[in-house]
N, C-alpha and C. Protein backbone atom coordinates (compact mmCIF):
# COMPACT_ATOMS: atom_id res chain seq x y z
N MET A 1 19.29 82.23 69.47
CA MET A 1 18.68 81.44 68.35
C MET A 1 19.82 80.94 67.43
N VAL A 2 19.64 79.77 66.98
CA VAL A 2 20.63 79.08 65.92
C VAL A 2 20.19 79.57 64.46
N LYS A 3 21.16 80.17 63.65
CA LYS A 3 20.67 80.32 62.26
C LYS A 3 20.79 78.91 61.51
N THR A 4 19.67 78.96 60.73
CA THR A 4 19.57 77.70 59.83
C THR A 4 19.27 78.33 58.44
N ILE A 5 19.56 77.37 57.46
CA ILE A 5 19.29 77.48 55.95
C ILE A 5 18.43 76.27 55.63
N VAL A 6 17.47 76.51 54.62
CA VAL A 6 16.84 75.16 53.99
C VAL A 6 17.21 75.07 52.66
N VAL A 7 17.58 73.73 52.36
CA VAL A 7 18.59 73.39 51.15
C VAL A 7 17.57 72.66 50.51
N LYS A 8 17.32 72.71 49.22
CA LYS A 8 16.66 71.60 48.26
C LYS A 8 17.61 71.26 47.04
N GLN A 9 17.38 69.75 47.02
CA GLN A 9 18.06 69.19 45.84
C GLN A 9 17.45 69.38 44.61
N ILE A 10 18.18 70.11 43.75
CA ILE A 10 17.67 70.36 42.34
C ILE A 10 17.98 69.30 41.14
N GLY A 11 19.20 68.73 41.60
CA GLY A 11 20.15 67.81 40.48
C GLY A 11 20.08 66.72 40.94
N SER A 12 20.17 65.51 39.96
CA SER A 12 20.53 64.31 40.07
C SER A 12 21.82 63.93 40.07
N PRO A 13 22.42 63.14 41.13
CA PRO A 13 23.50 62.51 41.39
C PRO A 13 24.19 61.59 40.33
N ILE A 14 23.02 61.09 39.16
CA ILE A 14 23.36 60.31 38.35
C ILE A 14 24.55 60.61 37.47
N ARG A 15 25.52 59.81 37.31
CA ARG A 15 26.59 60.16 36.13
C ARG A 15 27.44 61.31 36.89
N ARG A 16 27.57 61.56 38.08
CA ARG A 16 28.39 62.70 38.89
C ARG A 16 29.39 61.92 39.52
N PRO A 17 30.49 62.74 39.87
CA PRO A 17 31.74 62.06 40.65
C PRO A 17 31.33 61.65 41.79
N GLU A 18 31.69 60.51 42.45
CA GLU A 18 31.63 60.04 43.91
C GLU A 18 31.57 60.85 44.59
N LYS A 19 32.27 61.84 44.63
CA LYS A 19 32.77 63.01 45.83
C LYS A 19 31.52 63.73 45.82
N GLN A 20 30.77 63.81 44.89
CA GLN A 20 29.71 64.88 44.75
C GLN A 20 28.46 64.35 45.25
N ARG A 21 28.49 62.91 44.85
CA ARG A 21 27.28 62.02 45.75
C ARG A 21 27.60 62.10 47.23
N GLN A 22 28.57 61.83 47.75
CA GLN A 22 28.98 61.70 49.35
C GLN A 22 28.56 63.06 49.69
N THR A 23 29.09 64.00 48.99
CA THR A 23 28.43 65.54 49.55
C THR A 23 27.10 65.69 49.83
N LEU A 24 26.42 65.02 48.83
CA LEU A 24 24.53 65.24 48.84
C LEU A 24 24.40 64.28 50.10
N ILE A 25 24.89 63.23 50.24
CA ILE A 25 24.70 62.45 51.43
C ILE A 25 25.04 62.94 52.89
N GLY A 26 26.24 63.74 52.74
CA GLY A 26 26.58 64.49 53.94
C GLY A 26 25.43 65.55 54.32
N LEU A 27 24.92 66.14 53.37
CA LEU A 27 23.96 66.84 53.54
C LEU A 27 22.78 66.70 53.86
N GLY A 28 22.28 65.14 53.58
CA GLY A 28 21.20 64.44 54.39
C GLY A 28 20.20 64.43 52.93
N LEU A 29 20.65 64.75 51.70
CA LEU A 29 19.84 64.48 50.89
C LEU A 29 20.12 63.54 49.74
N ASN A 30 19.12 62.78 49.35
CA ASN A 30 19.36 61.61 48.46
C ASN A 30 18.37 61.69 47.29
N LYS A 31 17.43 62.15 47.24
CA LYS A 31 16.26 62.33 46.14
C LYS A 31 16.07 63.68 45.67
N MET A 32 15.45 63.74 44.43
CA MET A 32 15.16 65.18 43.93
C MET A 32 14.13 65.83 44.62
N HIS A 33 14.36 66.85 44.93
CA HIS A 33 13.39 67.79 45.32
C HIS A 33 13.05 67.72 46.84
N LYS A 34 14.04 66.81 47.55
CA LYS A 34 13.83 66.89 48.98
C LYS A 34 14.65 68.14 49.38
N THR A 35 14.09 68.43 50.67
CA THR A 35 14.58 69.85 51.43
C THR A 35 15.10 69.11 52.65
N ARG A 36 16.07 69.84 53.34
CA ARG A 36 16.39 69.79 54.88
C ARG A 36 16.80 71.00 55.47
N GLU A 37 16.64 70.98 56.60
CA GLU A 37 16.77 72.38 57.25
C GLU A 37 18.20 72.25 57.95
N LEU A 38 19.26 72.81 57.66
CA LEU A 38 20.77 72.63 58.26
C LEU A 38 20.99 73.80 59.20
N GLU A 39 21.77 73.59 60.04
CA GLU A 39 22.51 74.57 60.77
C GLU A 39 23.49 75.45 59.95
N ASP A 40 23.47 76.72 59.83
CA ASP A 40 24.18 77.66 59.34
C ASP A 40 25.38 77.65 59.59
N THR A 41 26.43 76.73 59.10
CA THR A 41 27.73 76.65 59.68
C THR A 41 28.69 76.85 58.37
N PRO A 42 29.92 77.40 58.71
CA PRO A 42 30.91 77.35 57.56
C PRO A 42 31.09 75.80 56.83
N SER A 43 31.10 74.77 57.50
CA SER A 43 31.24 73.53 56.82
C SER A 43 29.85 73.20 56.05
N VAL A 44 28.89 73.60 56.61
CA VAL A 44 27.52 73.39 55.56
C VAL A 44 27.62 74.30 54.26
N ARG A 45 28.07 75.35 54.51
CA ARG A 45 28.16 76.50 53.60
C ARG A 45 29.09 75.85 52.35
N GLY A 46 30.12 75.47 52.96
CA GLY A 46 31.42 74.83 51.90
C GLY A 46 30.79 73.70 51.07
N MET A 47 30.01 72.80 51.98
CA MET A 47 29.46 71.53 51.23
C MET A 47 28.53 72.17 49.98
N VAL A 48 27.74 72.87 50.33
CA VAL A 48 26.65 73.59 49.41
C VAL A 48 27.26 74.17 48.17
N ASN A 49 28.37 75.07 48.62
CA ASN A 49 29.19 75.75 47.54
C ASN A 49 30.08 74.82 46.52
N LYS A 50 30.26 73.65 47.03
CA LYS A 50 30.95 72.39 46.28
C LYS A 50 29.88 71.89 45.08
N ILE A 51 28.75 72.00 45.58
CA ILE A 51 27.84 71.46 44.44
C ILE A 51 26.60 72.35 44.06
N PRO A 52 26.95 73.68 43.73
CA PRO A 52 25.80 74.54 43.43
C PRO A 52 24.85 74.33 42.21
N HIS A 53 25.40 72.94 41.37
CA HIS A 53 24.53 72.61 40.51
C HIS A 53 23.50 71.91 40.95
N LEU A 54 23.70 71.12 41.67
CA LEU A 54 22.75 70.13 42.35
C LEU A 54 22.01 70.55 43.68
N VAL A 55 22.08 71.60 44.34
CA VAL A 55 21.39 72.15 45.38
C VAL A 55 21.02 73.52 45.24
N LYS A 56 20.09 74.01 46.13
CA LYS A 56 19.61 75.35 46.13
C LYS A 56 19.51 75.81 47.47
N ILE A 57 19.72 76.91 47.96
CA ILE A 57 19.16 77.58 49.40
C ILE A 57 18.09 77.94 48.92
N ILE A 58 16.84 77.42 49.41
CA ILE A 58 15.50 78.23 49.46
C ILE A 58 15.26 79.28 50.59
N GLU A 59 16.00 79.17 51.52
CA GLU A 59 15.42 80.14 52.61
C GLU A 59 16.59 80.14 53.75
N GLU A 60 16.86 81.34 54.25
CA GLU A 60 17.49 81.54 55.26
C GLU A 60 16.89 82.02 56.59
N ARG A 61 17.12 81.17 57.76
CA ARG A 61 16.33 81.55 59.09
C ARG A 61 17.23 81.90 59.94
N GLY A 62 16.47 82.74 60.96
CA GLY A 62 17.33 82.93 62.06
C GLY A 62 17.88 84.39 62.10
C-alpha cells in the first residue's frame, strides 16, 4: 500500500515570490482551503517544507 498525505492550502499566494506560487501549483493547489491527497515521497515532503506558511498536512495515511 502506498503511503499518502492530505495537504490543505491555508495561505494565499498573493504577494508571494513566484517560486512559492510555482511550488503550490506543483502540489496541485491554487485556491484557498483546497485539499489534495498526494503520495508521501521525499520530493513532495520537500515541497511542503518549502512553503509551511501556505500549506498544512492534515492527515497521513498508509
